[in-house]
C-alpha cells in the first residue's frame, strides 16, 4: 500500500511542509516518486518516518538524523554505528529528562511556597523573624510536607537540586 504526503502528514501528526522540509534536508532518500513526480510512501517508509520523528523529538540535530538515514541505507555494515548513535542520544535524552524532572521539583517547591503564603495571606511566614529574608530552613519544611503527602519521587528529585544549610 502507498500513501500520499498528505496521508503521511496526517498519520504522523505533522504538516506537509514539515515532510517537504525533511525531504529537502536529505532525510527521505528512501521515498520513491510516481510518474507524476509525487512522493509515494510505503508502510516501511512510515516506519522509517516514525524513527526520524522519534530522533527529532529527542532533540537529535537534523544533520545527525540525515547521517543515521544514510547509515541505514548502507545496510548491515552500519549496524554498530547506528546502535552507537542511538545509545549516545538515549543518554543525552535521559540527562535532559532528569534535568527537567529536577527543574519541575524545584518549581513545585516554589509553587508550595506561594500556595502557603497565599493561604496565610502573607509571604512573611517564610521569612526570618523581623526580616524579608527567606528562612534557610524552609526547604526542610517542604521536605517534611513531601514526606507527609507521600511524594517520595519529588522529594528525591528536590533533594538533588537543593543545598540545605547545616
Protein backbone atom coordinates (compact mmCIF):
# COMPACT_ATOMS: atom_id res chain seq x y z
CA UNK A 1 0.00 0.00 0.00
CA UNK A 2 1.21 3.52 -0.72
CA UNK A 3 0.36 6.81 0.95
CA UNK A 4 0.40 10.38 -0.26
CA UNK A 5 2.36 13.06 1.53
CA UNK A 6 -0.93 14.39 2.96
CA UNK A 7 -1.87 10.97 4.33
CA UNK A 8 1.55 10.55 5.90
CA UNK A 9 1.38 14.03 7.41
CA UNK A 10 -1.98 13.13 8.96
CA UNK A 11 -0.75 9.75 10.25
CA UNK A 12 2.34 11.33 11.84
CA UNK A 13 0.55 14.48 13.08
CA UNK A 14 2.90 16.80 11.22
CA UNK A 15 2.40 19.25 8.39
CA UNK A 16 3.04 18.55 4.73
CA UNK A 17 5.57 21.40 4.88
CA UNK A 18 7.46 19.55 7.62
CA UNK A 19 7.71 16.46 5.42
CA UNK A 20 8.87 18.57 2.48
CA UNK A 21 11.49 20.18 4.71
CA UNK A 22 12.69 16.72 5.79
CA UNK A 23 12.91 15.70 2.16
CA UNK A 24 14.97 18.79 1.24
CA UNK A 25 17.21 18.16 4.27
CA UNK A 26 18.03 14.71 2.90
CA UNK A 27 16.06 12.73 5.45
CA UNK A 28 13.80 10.96 2.95
CA UNK A 29 16.03 9.49 0.23
CA UNK A 30 14.16 6.22 0.57
CA UNK A 31 10.82 7.70 -0.57
CA UNK A 32 10.00 6.92 -4.21
CA UNK A 33 8.13 9.20 -6.58
CA UNK A 34 5.46 8.17 -9.05
CA UNK A 35 5.37 9.04 -12.77
CA UNK A 36 3.80 12.40 -11.91
CA UNK A 37 6.68 13.20 -9.51
CA UNK A 38 4.58 12.85 -6.36
CA UNK A 39 6.03 11.14 -3.31
CA UNK A 40 4.61 7.70 -2.58
CA UNK A 41 5.24 6.44 0.93
CA UNK A 42 5.10 2.75 1.80
CA UNK A 43 4.41 1.13 5.16
CA UNK A 44 8.16 0.67 5.56
CA UNK A 45 8.66 4.38 4.80
CA UNK A 46 6.18 5.17 7.59
CA UNK A 47 8.26 3.04 9.94
CA UNK A 48 11.37 5.00 8.96
CA UNK A 49 9.48 8.28 9.28
CA UNK A 50 8.47 7.35 12.83
CA UNK A 51 12.15 6.73 13.59
CA UNK A 52 13.01 10.15 12.16
CA UNK A 53 10.24 11.78 14.19
CA UNK A 54 11.46 10.00 17.33
CA UNK A 55 15.01 11.24 16.77
CA UNK A 56 13.74 14.75 16.07
CA UNK A 57 11.61 14.72 19.24
CA UNK A 58 14.66 13.50 21.17
CA UNK A 59 16.48 16.66 20.10
CA UNK A 60 18.80 15.00 17.59
CA UNK A 61 20.00 17.62 15.09
CA UNK A 62 18.76 17.24 11.51
CA UNK A 63 22.28 16.66 10.18
CA UNK A 64 22.73 13.71 12.57
CA UNK A 65 19.34 12.31 11.58
CA UNK A 66 20.47 12.55 7.95
CA UNK A 67 23.63 10.64 8.91
CA UNK A 68 21.50 7.98 10.59
CA UNK A 69 19.32 7.67 7.46
CA UNK A 70 22.40 7.35 5.24
CA UNK A 71 23.83 4.71 7.56
CA UNK A 72 20.58 2.80 7.40
CA UNK A 73 20.74 2.81 3.61
CA UNK A 74 24.18 1.14 3.87
CA UNK A 75 22.57 -1.91 5.47
CA UNK A 76 24.16 -4.27 7.95
CA UNK A 77 27.65 -2.80 7.61
CA UNK A 78 26.45 0.20 9.63
CA UNK A 79 24.50 -1.60 12.35
CA UNK A 80 27.01 -0.85 15.09
CA UNK A 81 27.32 2.82 14.07
CA UNK A 82 23.54 3.23 14.16
CA UNK A 83 23.37 1.47 17.53
CA UNK A 84 26.11 3.70 18.96
CA UNK A 85 24.36 6.83 17.65
CA UNK A 86 21.11 5.79 19.32
CA UNK A 87 22.94 4.86 22.52
CA UNK A 88 24.55 8.30 22.74
CA UNK A 89 21.29 10.10 22.11
CA UNK A 90 19.47 7.88 24.60
CA UNK A 91 21.92 9.00 27.28
CA UNK A 92 21.53 12.66 26.23
CA UNK A 93 17.76 12.32 26.42
CA UNK A 94 17.91 10.66 29.86
CA UNK A 95 20.07 13.54 31.07
CA UNK A 96 17.61 16.09 29.69
CA UNK A 97 14.70 14.25 31.28
CA UNK A 98 16.44 14.22 34.66
CA UNK A 99 17.23 17.94 34.31
CA UNK A 100 13.57 18.64 33.53
CA UNK A 101 12.40 16.49 36.44
CA UNK A 102 14.71 18.34 38.81
CA UNK A 103 13.55 21.68 37.40
CA UNK A 104 9.94 20.60 37.92
CA UNK A 105 10.72 19.52 41.51
CA UNK A 106 12.13 22.96 42.28
CA UNK A 107 9.22 24.70 40.53
CA UNK A 108 6.85 22.64 42.69
CA UNK A 109 8.75 23.86 45.76
CA UNK A 110 8.22 27.45 44.66
CA UNK A 111 4.57 26.69 43.96
CA UNK A 112 4.22 25.31 47.52
CA UNK A 113 5.99 28.43 48.82
CA UNK A 114 3.43 30.71 47.19
CA UNK A 115 0.48 28.42 47.88
CA UNK A 116 1.23 28.51 51.60
CA UNK A 117 1.91 32.26 51.52
CA UNK A 118 -1.41 32.89 49.75
CA UNK A 119 -3.23 30.71 52.31
CA UNK A 120 -1.60 32.68 55.15
CA UNK A 121 -2.23 35.99 53.42
CA UNK A 122 1.45 36.91 53.73
CA UNK A 123 4.83 35.84 52.46
CA UNK A 124 6.28 36.76 55.85
CA UNK A 125 5.54 33.22 57.08
CA UNK A 126 8.61 32.13 55.13
CA UNK A 127 10.92 34.91 56.35
CA UNK A 128 13.33 35.02 59.24
CA UNK A 129 11.67 36.96 62.08
CA UNK A 130 11.92 40.72 61.61
CA UNK A 131 13.35 40.50 58.08
CA UNK A 132 12.38 39.88 54.49
CA UNK A 133 14.95 37.08 54.09
CA UNK A 134 13.70 33.60 53.36
CA UNK A 135 14.28 31.22 56.26
CA UNK A 136 17.15 28.90 55.26
CA UNK A 137 15.29 26.04 56.94
CA UNK A 138 12.25 26.47 54.67
CA UNK A 139 13.40 23.67 52.36
CA UNK A 140 13.27 21.28 55.34
CA UNK A 141 9.63 22.25 55.90
CA UNK A 142 8.93 21.47 52.26
CA UNK A 143 10.71 18.13 52.58
CA UNK A 144 8.53 17.33 55.60
CA UNK A 145 5.47 18.30 53.55
CA UNK A 146 6.51 15.94 50.73
CA UNK A 147 7.05 13.10 53.22
CA UNK A 148 3.67 13.82 54.81
CA UNK A 149 1.84 13.57 51.48
CA UNK A 150 3.93 10.56 50.42
CA UNK A 151 5.52 12.19 47.36
CA UNK A 152 8.86 10.45 47.68
CA UNK A 153 9.69 10.81 43.98
CA UNK A 154 9.51 14.60 44.13
CA UNK A 155 11.35 14.52 47.45
CA UNK A 156 14.25 12.58 45.93
CA UNK A 157 14.44 14.97 42.96
CA UNK A 158 14.17 18.02 45.20
CA UNK A 159 17.00 16.69 47.37
CA UNK A 160 19.19 16.55 44.26
CA UNK A 161 18.52 20.22 43.49
CA UNK A 162 18.57 21.94 46.88
CA UNK A 163 21.55 22.63 49.11
CA UNK A 164 20.42 22.52 52.69
CA UNK A 165 22.11 24.58 55.37
CA UNK A 166 23.92 22.60 58.04
